Protein backbone atom coordinates (compact mmCIF):
# COMPACT_ATOMS: atom_id res chain seq x y z
CA MET A 1 36.89 -21.05 -3.83
CA LYS A 2 35.07 -24.11 -5.27
CA LYS A 3 33.46 -24.73 -1.87
CA LEU A 4 32.34 -21.09 -1.70
CA ILE A 5 30.80 -21.29 -5.20
CA ALA A 6 29.04 -24.54 -4.29
CA LEU A 7 27.71 -23.02 -1.06
CA PHE A 8 26.38 -19.97 -2.98
CA ALA A 9 24.72 -22.23 -5.57
CA THR A 10 23.07 -24.30 -2.86
CA THR A 11 21.80 -21.17 -1.12
CA ALA A 12 20.40 -19.80 -4.41
CA VAL A 13 18.56 -23.07 -5.10
CA ALA A 14 17.14 -23.11 -1.59
CA SER A 15 15.98 -19.52 -1.90
CA GLY A 16 14.37 -20.23 -5.26
CA SER A 17 12.51 -23.25 -3.97
CA ALA A 18 11.17 -21.18 -1.04
CA MET A 19 9.56 -18.66 -3.34
CA GLY A 20 5.79 -18.52 -3.54
CA ALA A 21 3.54 -18.80 -6.55
CA VAL A 22 3.81 -16.59 -9.62
CA ALA A 23 0.61 -15.99 -11.60
CA LEU A 24 0.48 -14.62 -15.14
CA SER A 25 -2.60 -13.12 -16.78
CA GLY A 26 -3.33 -10.71 -19.57
CA THR A 27 -5.66 -9.28 -22.18
CA ALA A 28 -5.39 -8.59 -25.88
CA SER A 29 -7.72 -6.78 -28.27
CA VAL A 30 -8.05 -5.44 -31.80
CA SER A 31 -10.45 -2.58 -32.60
CA TYR A 32 -11.84 -0.96 -35.74
CA ASP A 33 -13.38 2.51 -35.40
CA ASP A 34 -15.10 4.20 -38.33
CA ASN A 35 -14.81 7.52 -36.36
CA GLY A 36 -18.21 8.67 -37.55
CA SER A 37 -18.57 11.68 -39.80
CA GLY A 38 -15.66 13.89 -40.76
CA ALA A 39 -12.81 11.57 -39.76
CA ALA A 40 -10.98 8.66 -41.36
CA SER A 41 -11.48 5.17 -39.97
CA GLU A 42 -8.68 3.55 -38.02
CA THR A 43 -7.63 0.32 -36.37
CA SER A 44 -5.89 -0.07 -33.03
CA TYR A 45 -4.66 -2.87 -30.83
CA ASP A 46 -3.73 -3.43 -27.21
CA ALA A 47 -2.03 -6.21 -25.26
CA ASP A 48 -1.45 -6.17 -21.51
CA LEU A 49 0.37 -8.52 -19.15
CA ALA A 50 -0.02 -8.83 -15.38
CA ILE A 51 2.43 -10.64 -13.11
CA VAL A 52 1.55 -11.42 -9.49
CA GLY A 53 4.12 -13.05 -7.24
CA THR A 54 3.19 -14.22 -3.75
CA ALA A 55 5.45 -15.41 -0.95
CA GLY A 56 3.77 -15.79 2.41
CA SER A 57 2.06 -12.51 3.26
CA THR A 58 4.01 -10.53 0.64
CA THR A 59 2.67 -9.81 -2.85
CA LEU A 60 4.37 -8.14 -5.80
CA THR A 61 2.08 -6.96 -8.62
CA ALA A 62 3.40 -5.66 -11.93
CA GLY A 63 1.60 -4.62 -15.12
CA TYR A 64 2.95 -4.09 -18.63
CA ASP A 65 1.80 -2.92 -22.06
CA MET A 66 3.11 -5.48 -24.54
CA GLU A 67 2.41 -3.81 -27.89
CA GLY A 68 5.28 -2.00 -29.54
CA SER A 69 8.97 -2.84 -29.67
CA SER A 70 9.38 -3.38 -25.93
CA LEU A 71 7.41 -3.85 -22.72
CA SER A 72 6.14 -0.63 -21.15
CA THR A 73 5.53 -0.65 -17.39
CA THR A 74 2.05 0.40 -16.27
CA GLY A 75 2.35 -0.39 -12.58
CA VAL A 76 4.55 -2.01 -9.94
CA SER A 77 3.54 -2.37 -6.30
CA LEU A 78 4.69 -4.39 -3.30
CA ALA A 79 2.55 -5.16 -0.26
CA THR A 80 3.39 -7.08 2.88
CA THR A 81 1.94 -7.64 6.34
CA ILE A 82 4.00 -7.54 9.51
CA GLY A 83 1.88 -8.18 12.58
CA PRO A 84 -0.88 -5.53 12.74
CA ALA A 85 0.83 -3.37 10.08
CA THR A 86 0.34 -3.54 6.31
CA ILE A 87 3.07 -1.87 4.23
CA THR A 88 2.43 -0.94 0.59
CA ALA A 89 4.97 0.53 -1.83
CA ASP A 90 3.93 1.98 -5.21
CA MET A 91 7.07 1.90 -7.34
CA HIS A 92 5.76 3.22 -10.65
CA ASP A 93 4.68 6.77 -11.48
CA ALA A 94 1.56 6.47 -13.66
CA THR A 95 -0.01 9.90 -13.07
CA GLU A 96 -0.66 12.23 -15.99
CA THR A 97 1.87 15.06 -16.15
CA LEU A 98 1.93 18.59 -17.53
CA GLY A 99 2.41 19.21 -21.24
CA GLU A 100 -0.05 16.84 -22.93
CA ALA A 101 -2.50 17.88 -25.64
CA GLY A 102 -5.38 19.95 -24.28
CA ASP A 103 -3.50 21.54 -21.40
CA ASN A 104 -4.33 25.18 -20.80
CA VAL A 105 -0.87 26.47 -21.69
CA THR A 106 -2.10 29.49 -23.68
CA GLY A 107 -4.87 30.72 -21.41
CA GLU A 108 -7.65 28.92 -23.29
CA LEU A 109 -9.96 26.26 -21.92
CA GLY A 110 -8.07 22.98 -21.54
CA ASN A 111 -8.86 19.47 -20.37
CA GLY A 112 -8.36 19.86 -16.64
CA ASN A 113 -4.86 18.35 -16.45
CA TYR A 114 -2.63 19.06 -13.49
CA LYS A 115 -0.54 22.23 -13.71
CA TYR A 116 2.41 20.54 -12.08
CA ALA A 117 3.97 17.16 -12.76
CA GLN A 118 2.49 14.53 -10.47
CA ASP A 119 4.23 11.58 -8.83
CA ASP A 120 2.01 8.85 -7.42
CA THR A 121 4.84 6.66 -6.17
CA GLY A 122 5.22 6.29 -2.43
CA VAL A 123 5.01 4.10 0.64
CA SER A 124 2.06 3.80 3.01
CA VAL A 125 1.68 1.96 6.29
CA SER A 126 -1.74 0.84 7.56
CA LEU A 127 -2.19 -0.12 11.19
CA ASN A 128 -5.14 -2.00 12.63
CA ALA A 129 -5.32 0.19 15.71
CA PRO A 130 -7.32 -0.93 18.75
CA ILE A 131 -9.99 1.78 18.33
CA GLY A 132 -13.05 -0.25 17.44
CA ASP A 133 -12.99 -1.40 13.82
CA ALA A 134 -10.94 1.56 12.57
CA THR A 135 -7.72 1.37 10.58
CA ILE A 136 -5.11 4.15 10.59
CA ALA A 137 -2.86 4.59 7.57
CA LEU A 138 0.16 6.86 7.08
CA ASP A 139 1.99 7.54 3.81
CA ASP A 140 5.39 9.07 3.13
CA SER A 141 3.83 12.48 2.36
CA GLY A 142 2.59 12.71 5.93
CA ALA A 143 -1.07 12.11 5.07
CA VAL A 144 -3.04 10.22 7.73
CA THR A 145 -6.14 8.27 6.68
CA ILE A 146 -8.66 6.86 9.13
CA SER A 147 -11.10 4.27 7.78
CA GLY A 148 -13.47 1.61 9.02
CA THR A 149 -16.83 -0.11 8.60
CA TRP A 150 -19.63 0.42 11.05
CA SER A 151 -23.15 -1.04 10.70
CA GLY A 152 -22.46 -1.86 7.04
CA VAL A 153 -21.25 1.66 6.20
CA THR A 154 -17.60 2.09 5.16
CA VAL A 155 -16.08 5.51 5.83
CA SER A 156 -12.59 6.85 5.08
CA HIS A 157 -11.13 10.29 5.84
CA ASN A 158 -7.75 11.69 4.78
CA VAL A 159 -6.75 14.28 7.37
CA LYS A 160 -4.18 16.02 5.13
CA THR A 161 -6.19 16.35 1.91
CA ASN A 162 -9.57 16.67 3.68
CA VAL A 163 -11.14 14.00 1.45
CA THR A 164 -13.90 11.83 2.92
CA THR A 165 -15.48 8.81 1.21
CA GLY A 166 -18.39 6.66 2.29
CA SER A 167 -20.14 3.62 0.84
CA ALA A 168 -22.94 1.27 1.85
CA ALA A 169 -25.22 -1.44 0.50
CA ILE A 170 -28.74 -0.88 1.79
CA ALA A 171 -31.91 -2.68 0.65
CA GLY A 172 -30.29 -3.92 -2.56
CA MET A 173 -28.82 -0.54 -3.47
CA ASP A 174 -25.11 0.32 -3.57
CA MET A 175 -24.38 3.89 -2.57
CA SER A 176 -21.15 5.88 -2.44
CA ILE A 177 -20.28 9.50 -1.76
CA THR A 178 -17.05 11.50 -1.87
CA ASN A 179 -16.43 14.91 -0.35
CA ASP A 180 -13.25 16.53 -1.61
CA ASP A 181 -12.55 19.59 0.50
CA GLY A 182 -16.21 20.69 0.36
CA SER A 183 -17.09 19.45 -3.16
CA SER A 184 -19.27 16.33 -3.12
CA THR A 185 -19.99 13.62 -5.70
CA TRP A 186 -22.16 10.53 -5.34
CA SER A 187 -23.33 7.42 -7.16
CA LEU A 188 -26.20 4.94 -6.79
CA GLY A 189 -26.45 1.44 -8.21
CA THR A 190 -29.09 -1.27 -8.10
CA THR A 191 -30.42 -4.24 -10.08
CA VAL A 192 -34.06 -4.33 -11.19
CA SER A 193 -35.43 -7.42 -13.01
CA GLY A 194 -31.91 -8.42 -14.07
CA VAL A 195 -30.98 -4.92 -15.27
CA ALA A 196 -28.04 -3.27 -13.48
CA VAL A 197 -28.61 0.49 -13.28
CA THR A 198 -26.28 3.20 -11.98
CA LEU A 199 -26.77 6.95 -11.55
CA ASP A 200 -24.25 9.55 -10.40
CA SER A 201 -24.09 13.22 -9.47
CA ASP A 202 -22.91 14.17 -12.97
CA SER A 203 -26.29 12.99 -14.35
CA ASP A 204 -24.64 9.94 -15.92
CA VAL A 205 -26.88 6.88 -16.27
CA SER A 206 -25.81 3.35 -17.16
CA ALA A 207 -27.93 0.23 -17.70
CA THR A 208 -26.58 -3.27 -18.39
CA PHE A 209 -28.75 -6.27 -19.24
CA GLY A 210 -28.75 -9.53 -21.15
CA LEU A 211 -30.33 -9.65 -24.61
CA ALA A 212 -30.69 -12.89 -26.61
CA GLY A 213 -27.32 -14.28 -25.51
CA ASN A 214 -25.62 -10.89 -25.69
CA THR A 215 -24.86 -8.26 -23.07
CA MET A 216 -26.07 -4.74 -23.82
CA THR A 217 -24.86 -1.64 -21.98
CA VAL A 218 -26.50 1.73 -22.53
CA ASN A 219 -24.78 4.84 -21.15
CA TYR A 220 -25.96 8.42 -21.00
CA ILE A 221 -23.16 10.89 -20.24
CA GLY A 222 -24.58 14.15 -18.94
CA GLU A 223 -23.60 17.61 -20.12
CA ARG A 224 -20.43 18.98 -18.56
CA ALA A 225 -20.10 22.65 -17.74
CA SER A 226 -16.75 24.39 -18.15
CA THR A 227 -14.68 24.65 -14.99
CA ALA A 228 -12.21 27.35 -14.01
CA SER A 229 -8.60 26.76 -13.08
CA SER A 230 -7.92 25.68 -9.52
CA THR A 231 -7.58 28.46 -6.97
CA THR A 232 -5.46 26.19 -4.77
CA MET A 233 -1.96 26.19 -6.23
CA THR A 234 -0.35 23.27 -4.41
CA ALA A 235 1.10 20.64 -6.75
CA ALA A 236 -1.47 18.05 -5.71
CA LYS A 237 -4.46 20.37 -6.30
CA ALA A 238 -3.61 22.88 -9.05
CA LYS A 239 -5.36 22.07 -12.34
CA PHE A 240 -6.00 23.89 -15.60
CA SER A 241 -9.52 24.96 -16.56
CA LYS A 242 -11.68 22.51 -18.44
CA ALA A 243 -13.85 23.02 -21.52
CA SER A 244 -17.56 22.27 -21.51
CA ALA A 245 -18.91 19.15 -23.24
CA ALA A 246 -22.34 18.30 -24.65
CA ALA A 247 -24.28 15.27 -23.44
CA TYR A 248 -24.06 12.07 -25.47
CA SER A 249 -25.01 8.39 -25.34
CA THR A 250 -23.29 5.12 -26.09
CA VAL A 251 -24.75 1.70 -26.79
CA ALA A 252 -22.49 -1.36 -26.57
CA ILE A 253 -23.41 -4.96 -27.39
CA SER A 254 -20.95 -7.74 -26.56
CA ARG A 255 -21.02 -11.51 -27.01
CA ALA A 256 -18.70 -14.25 -25.77
CA LEU A 257 -17.69 -16.52 -28.66
CA THR A 258 -16.91 -20.23 -28.51
CA SER A 259 -13.36 -19.40 -29.60
CA GLY A 260 -12.77 -17.79 -26.19
CA ALA A 261 -12.83 -14.24 -27.55
CA THR A 262 -15.42 -11.54 -26.92
CA LEU A 263 -16.82 -9.46 -29.77
CA ALA A 264 -18.24 -6.01 -28.99
CA ALA A 265 -19.84 -3.25 -31.04
CA THR A 266 -20.16 0.27 -29.59
CA TYR A 267 -22.09 3.21 -31.04
CA LYS A 268 -21.40 6.76 -29.81
CA SER A 269 -23.96 9.46 -30.54
CA SER A 270 -21.63 12.48 -30.21
CA ASP A 271 -19.82 11.70 -33.46
CA GLU A 272 -22.07 8.88 -34.78
CA SER A 273 -19.12 6.50 -34.65
CA LEU A 274 -19.19 2.72 -34.54
CA THR A 275 -16.35 0.69 -32.99
CA LEU A 276 -15.90 -3.05 -33.40
CA LYS A 277 -13.61 -4.75 -30.90
CA ALA A 278 -12.45 -8.35 -30.50
CA SER A 279 -10.73 -9.15 -27.21
CA VAL A 280 -9.50 -12.12 -25.21
CA ALA A 281 -8.42 -12.57 -21.58
CA PHE A 282 -5.97 -15.24 -20.52
């Protein structure tokens, strides 16, 4: 028995020494929001931890919320490569589910949540197939995705959900487009004289630039029309209706401090609120 215990201990030590690197990182922040007119001010805080373990061609990534009385898992995934195949397993269900505030449970306009509980866990296998530069992926729901990059244009198509995405960087401009079963969205981004500007199909505009040692970001969020409930009633597609929303703007100024923290102030025009946030990444 002593020899068996010793052999087990030796094996455990050998296995431990063969393990790859483990990297820890995280963020923490404290915010004060005056909530504009008609609401009481409030403070909030957030602390997140990320753990990445690597052994050979296998990587485990886990994320946690640290505030509160115990750690709360935000994501766990495992990815490995075996020859031409890449296997990825999502072990944590992080998708919004039915029953949260704003759902259309009484027939009134809601916030567009799914009608059925969602589960985004699963396993997918990607294969670098010998058909040019294309990659074929298959997940455990039976969805097949074909993707690849040709002449600087990246295209991906999911045969089961009929979703196609494309992106390209042409003449200093980043472009992307998504077609979801006939409904298309797009975005454009470029940098002009040090100012990063983006525009999308929802009429949202964002501009980020440096200003006297600070970084300023100005966002315009376009008006949103109300949307009806989904006509497709499959669990992955069925959503409640969504209420309309007026356009608004935000202006955020942030500065990196010598202490290692970043201080940011954000103004939101919709409720005339001002939020002050101090954050640090480690």
